[in-house]
Amino acid sequence: MLQDYFTEVDEAINGLTVLEQIQSLPPDYYDVIFLDINMPIMGGVEACQKIRDHWSTNSICNLFEESHLDAQDINVPRMPLIIALTADMG
């Protein structure tokens, strides 16, 4: 279903795999990340926090904090939209 709306779709079987994929790719690789709250090994809430932590410590935006450049004046990658949900009906 996601392939109908997105050019490229990657899958991960658990939250840890999601985090490893995020860490191994350029910051602007993903536009949207869907997480299941109940993923095995690392759930969606924990994975979301770790992705946000990774993004905040490795984002190019951090380069501008101590400089005189304004990040808005150049094309700085934005953090991907993270959507967390669950299919658990029980």
N, C-alpha and C. Protein backbone atom coordinates (compact mmCIF):
# COMPACT_ATOMS: atom_id res chain seq x y z
N MET A 1 0.81 -1.18 0.00
CA MET A 1 0.00 0.00 0.00
C MET A 1 0.87 1.27 0.00
N LEU A 2 1.93 1.29 0.79
CA LEU A 2 2.79 2.48 0.86
C LEU A 2 3.46 2.77 -0.48
N GLN A 3 3.73 1.74 -1.25
CA GLN A 3 4.38 1.92 -2.55
C GLN A 3 3.50 2.70 -3.52
N ASP A 4 2.21 2.76 -3.26
CA ASP A 4 1.31 3.56 -4.09
C ASP A 4 1.51 5.05 -3.84
N TYR A 5 2.07 5.41 -2.69
CA TYR A 5 2.20 6.81 -2.31
C TYR A 5 3.64 7.31 -2.23
N PHE A 6 4.60 6.40 -2.13
CA PHE A 6 5.99 6.79 -1.98
C PHE A 6 6.84 6.14 -3.07
N THR A 7 7.87 6.83 -3.52
CA THR A 7 8.74 6.34 -4.57
C THR A 7 9.51 5.11 -4.12
N GLU A 8 10.01 5.17 -2.91
CA GLU A 8 10.81 4.07 -2.38
C GLU A 8 10.34 3.74 -0.97
N VAL A 9 10.22 2.46 -0.67
CA VAL A 9 9.76 2.02 0.65
C VAL A 9 10.75 0.99 1.18
N ASP A 10 11.30 1.24 2.36
CA ASP A 10 12.17 0.29 3.05
C ASP A 10 11.38 -0.33 4.20
N GLU A 11 11.70 -1.57 4.51
CA GLU A 11 11.03 -2.27 5.61
C GLU A 11 12.06 -2.69 6.65
N ALA A 12 11.60 -2.77 7.88
CA ALA A 12 12.43 -3.26 8.99
C ALA A 12 11.55 -4.13 9.88
N ILE A 13 12.13 -5.18 10.42
CA ILE A 13 11.33 -6.12 11.20
C ILE A 13 11.22 -5.75 12.68
N ASN A 14 12.06 -4.79 13.12
CA ASN A 14 11.98 -4.36 14.52
C ASN A 14 12.56 -2.96 14.66
N GLY A 15 12.35 -2.36 15.81
CA GLY A 15 12.80 -0.99 16.04
C GLY A 15 14.30 -0.81 15.99
N LEU A 16 15.05 -1.81 16.42
CA LEU A 16 16.50 -1.71 16.37
C LEU A 16 16.99 -1.65 14.93
N THR A 17 16.39 -2.45 14.06
CA THR A 17 16.75 -2.43 12.64
C THR A 17 16.43 -1.07 12.02
N VAL A 18 15.31 -0.49 12.41
CA VAL A 18 14.95 0.85 11.92
C VAL A 18 16.04 1.84 12.31
N LEU A 19 16.43 1.84 13.57
CA LEU A 19 17.46 2.76 14.05
C LEU A 19 18.76 2.56 13.30
N GLU A 20 19.17 1.31 13.09
CA GLU A 20 20.41 1.04 12.36
C GLU A 20 20.33 1.55 10.92
N GLN A 21 19.17 1.40 10.28
CA GLN A 21 19.00 1.92 8.91
C GLN A 21 19.12 3.44 8.90
N ILE A 22 18.48 4.10 9.84
CA ILE A 22 18.54 5.56 9.93
C ILE A 22 19.99 6.03 10.11
N GLN A 23 20.71 5.36 10.99
CA GLN A 23 22.09 5.76 11.30
C GLN A 23 23.05 5.51 10.14
N SER A 24 22.70 4.60 9.24
CA SER A 24 23.63 4.25 8.15
C SER A 24 23.39 5.05 6.87
N LEU A 25 22.38 5.89 6.85
CA LEU A 25 22.03 6.62 5.64
C LEU A 25 22.17 8.12 5.85
N PRO A 26 22.24 8.88 4.76
CA PRO A 26 22.33 10.35 4.90
C PRO A 26 21.09 10.91 5.60
N PRO A 27 21.22 12.04 6.28
CA PRO A 27 20.11 12.58 7.07
C PRO A 27 18.86 12.89 6.26
N ASP A 28 19.01 13.19 4.99
CA ASP A 28 17.83 13.56 4.20
C ASP A 28 17.28 12.39 3.38
N TYR A 29 17.66 11.16 3.71
CA TYR A 29 17.24 9.99 2.94
C TYR A 29 15.75 9.72 3.07
N TYR A 30 15.22 9.79 4.28
CA TYR A 30 13.81 9.48 4.52
C TYR A 30 13.00 10.76 4.69
N ASP A 31 11.81 10.76 4.10
CA ASP A 31 10.85 11.85 4.31
C ASP A 31 9.87 11.50 5.42
N VAL A 32 9.47 10.22 5.48
CA VAL A 32 8.49 9.76 6.46
C VAL A 32 8.97 8.42 7.01
N ILE A 33 8.79 8.23 8.31
CA ILE A 33 9.11 6.96 8.96
C ILE A 33 7.85 6.51 9.71
N PHE A 34 7.36 5.32 9.37
CA PHE A 34 6.23 4.72 10.06
C PHE A 34 6.77 3.71 11.07
N LEU A 35 6.34 3.81 12.31
CA LEU A 35 6.75 2.89 13.35
C LEU A 35 5.53 2.25 13.99
N ASP A 36 5.63 0.98 14.28
CA ASP A 36 4.59 0.30 15.06
C ASP A 36 4.98 0.43 16.52
N ILE A 37 4.05 0.86 17.33
CA ILE A 37 4.31 1.03 18.77
C ILE A 37 4.79 -0.28 19.39
N ASN A 38 4.30 -1.41 18.90
CA ASN A 38 4.60 -2.72 19.48
C ASN A 38 5.63 -3.53 18.70
N MET A 39 6.60 -2.89 18.06
CA MET A 39 7.64 -3.64 17.35
C MET A 39 8.47 -4.45 18.34
N PRO A 40 8.96 -5.62 17.91
CA PRO A 40 9.81 -6.42 18.80
C PRO A 40 11.19 -5.78 18.98
N ILE A 41 11.90 -6.23 19.97
CA ILE A 41 13.26 -5.82 20.35
C ILE A 41 13.31 -4.37 20.82
N MET A 42 12.83 -3.43 20.00
CA MET A 42 12.76 -2.03 20.41
C MET A 42 11.43 -1.50 19.86
N GLY A 43 10.54 -1.09 20.75
CA GLY A 43 9.23 -0.61 20.33
C GLY A 43 9.29 0.73 19.63
N GLY A 44 8.18 1.14 19.06
CA GLY A 44 8.11 2.37 18.30
C GLY A 44 8.40 3.63 19.09
N VAL A 45 7.96 3.68 20.33
CA VAL A 45 8.21 4.87 21.16
C VAL A 45 9.70 5.03 21.42
N GLU A 46 10.36 3.94 21.82
CA GLU A 46 11.80 4.00 22.08
C GLU A 46 12.57 4.28 20.79
N ALA A 47 12.18 3.64 19.70
CA ALA A 47 12.85 3.86 18.41
C ALA A 47 12.70 5.33 17.99
N CYS A 48 11.51 5.89 18.18
CA CYS A 48 11.28 7.29 17.84
C CYS A 48 12.22 8.21 18.62
N GLN A 49 12.32 7.98 19.92
CA GLN A 49 13.21 8.81 20.74
C GLN A 49 14.66 8.68 20.31
N LYS A 50 15.09 7.47 20.00
CA LYS A 50 16.48 7.26 19.59
C LYS A 50 16.74 7.87 18.21
N ILE A 51 15.76 7.83 17.32
CA ILE A 51 15.90 8.48 16.01
C ILE A 51 16.02 9.98 16.20
N ARG A 52 15.18 10.55 17.06
CA ARG A 52 15.24 11.99 17.32
C ARG A 52 16.58 12.38 17.96
N ASP A 53 17.07 11.55 18.89
CA ASP A 53 18.37 11.81 19.50
C ASP A 53 19.48 11.75 18.46
N HIS A 54 19.43 10.73 17.61
CA HIS A 54 20.43 10.60 16.54
C HIS A 54 20.38 11.80 15.62
N TRP A 55 19.19 12.21 15.24
CA TRP A 55 19.05 13.34 14.33
C TRP A 55 19.60 14.62 14.97
N SER A 56 19.27 14.85 16.22
CA SER A 56 19.70 16.10 16.86
C SER A 56 21.20 16.15 17.08
N THR A 57 21.86 15.01 17.26
CA THR A 57 23.31 15.03 17.47
C THR A 57 24.09 14.93 16.18
N ASN A 58 23.45 14.48 15.07
CA ASN A 58 24.17 14.29 13.82
C ASN A 58 23.66 15.17 12.69
N SER A 59 22.73 16.04 12.98
CA SER A 59 22.16 16.89 11.94
C SER A 59 23.13 17.99 11.54
N ILE A 60 23.08 18.35 10.29
CA ILE A 60 23.92 19.45 9.79
C ILE A 60 23.54 20.76 10.47
N CYS A 61 22.32 20.83 11.01
CA CYS A 61 21.89 22.05 11.71
C CYS A 61 22.81 22.37 12.88
N ASN A 62 23.41 21.36 13.48
CA ASN A 62 24.31 21.60 14.61
C ASN A 62 25.55 22.38 14.20
N LEU A 63 25.91 22.32 12.94
CA LEU A 63 27.08 23.06 12.46
C LEU A 63 26.86 24.56 12.51
N PHE A 64 25.61 24.99 12.51
CA PHE A 64 25.30 26.40 12.48
C PHE A 64 25.17 27.03 13.86
N GLU A 65 25.12 26.22 14.89
CA GLU A 65 24.91 26.75 16.23
C GLU A 65 26.01 27.69 16.66
N GLU A 66 27.25 27.41 16.26
CA GLU A 66 28.37 28.23 16.69
C GLU A 66 28.94 29.07 15.57
N SER A 67 28.23 29.16 14.45
CA SER A 67 28.73 29.96 13.33
C SER A 67 27.84 31.17 13.13
N HIS A 68 28.22 32.00 12.19
CA HIS A 68 27.43 33.19 11.87
C HIS A 68 26.49 32.95 10.70
N LEU A 69 26.47 31.73 10.20
CA LEU A 69 25.59 31.40 9.09
C LEU A 69 24.19 31.09 9.61
N ASP A 70 23.23 31.36 8.79
CA ASP A 70 21.83 31.06 9.13
C ASP A 70 21.41 29.83 8.35
N ALA A 71 21.00 28.78 9.07
CA ALA A 71 20.63 27.52 8.43
C ALA A 71 19.47 27.70 7.46
N GLN A 72 18.65 28.71 7.65
CA GLN A 72 17.51 28.93 6.76
C GLN A 72 17.94 29.48 5.41
N ASP A 73 19.18 30.00 5.31
CA ASP A 73 19.66 30.55 4.06
C ASP A 73 20.16 29.50 3.09
N ILE A 74 20.32 28.28 3.55
CA ILE A 74 20.75 27.20 2.66
C ILE A 74 19.79 26.03 2.79
N ASN A 75 19.92 25.07 1.93
CA ASN A 75 19.04 23.92 1.94
C ASN A 75 19.52 22.90 2.97
N VAL A 76 18.98 22.99 4.17
CA VAL A 76 19.35 22.10 5.27
C VAL A 76 18.30 20.99 5.35
N PRO A 77 18.73 19.72 5.39
CA PRO A 77 17.74 18.64 5.49
C PRO A 77 16.91 18.76 6.76
N ARG A 78 15.64 18.47 6.63
CA ARG A 78 14.77 18.50 7.80
C ARG A 78 14.61 17.09 8.34
N MET A 79 14.29 17.01 9.61
CA MET A 79 14.06 15.71 10.23
C MET A 79 12.84 15.07 9.57
N PRO A 80 12.91 13.77 9.30
CA PRO A 80 11.75 13.11 8.68
C PRO A 80 10.54 13.10 9.62
N LEU A 81 9.37 13.11 9.03
CA LEU A 81 8.14 12.98 9.79
C LEU A 81 8.07 11.57 10.34
N ILE A 82 7.83 11.42 11.63
CA ILE A 82 7.72 10.09 12.24
C ILE A 82 6.27 9.86 12.64
N ILE A 83 5.70 8.78 12.12
CA ILE A 83 4.32 8.43 12.42
C ILE A 83 4.34 7.09 13.15
N ALA A 84 3.86 7.08 14.38
CA ALA A 84 3.82 5.86 15.18
C ALA A 84 2.38 5.43 15.34
N LEU A 85 2.14 4.16 15.10
CA LEU A 85 0.79 3.60 15.20
C LEU A 85 0.88 2.16 15.60
N THR A 86 -0.26 1.52 15.74
CA THR A 86 -0.26 0.09 16.02
C THR A 86 -1.46 -0.56 15.35
N ALA A 87 -1.28 -1.81 14.99
CA ALA A 87 -2.36 -2.59 14.39
C ALA A 87 -2.96 -3.52 15.43
N ASP A 88 -2.52 -3.42 16.66
CA ASP A 88 -2.99 -4.30 17.74
C ASP A 88 -4.44 -3.93 18.09
N MET A 89 -5.32 -4.86 17.89
CA MET A 89 -6.73 -4.62 18.16
C MET A 89 -7.14 -5.17 19.54
N GLY A 90 -6.18 -5.79 20.25
CA GLY A 90 -6.53 -6.42 21.51
C GLY A 90 -6.16 -5.62 22.62
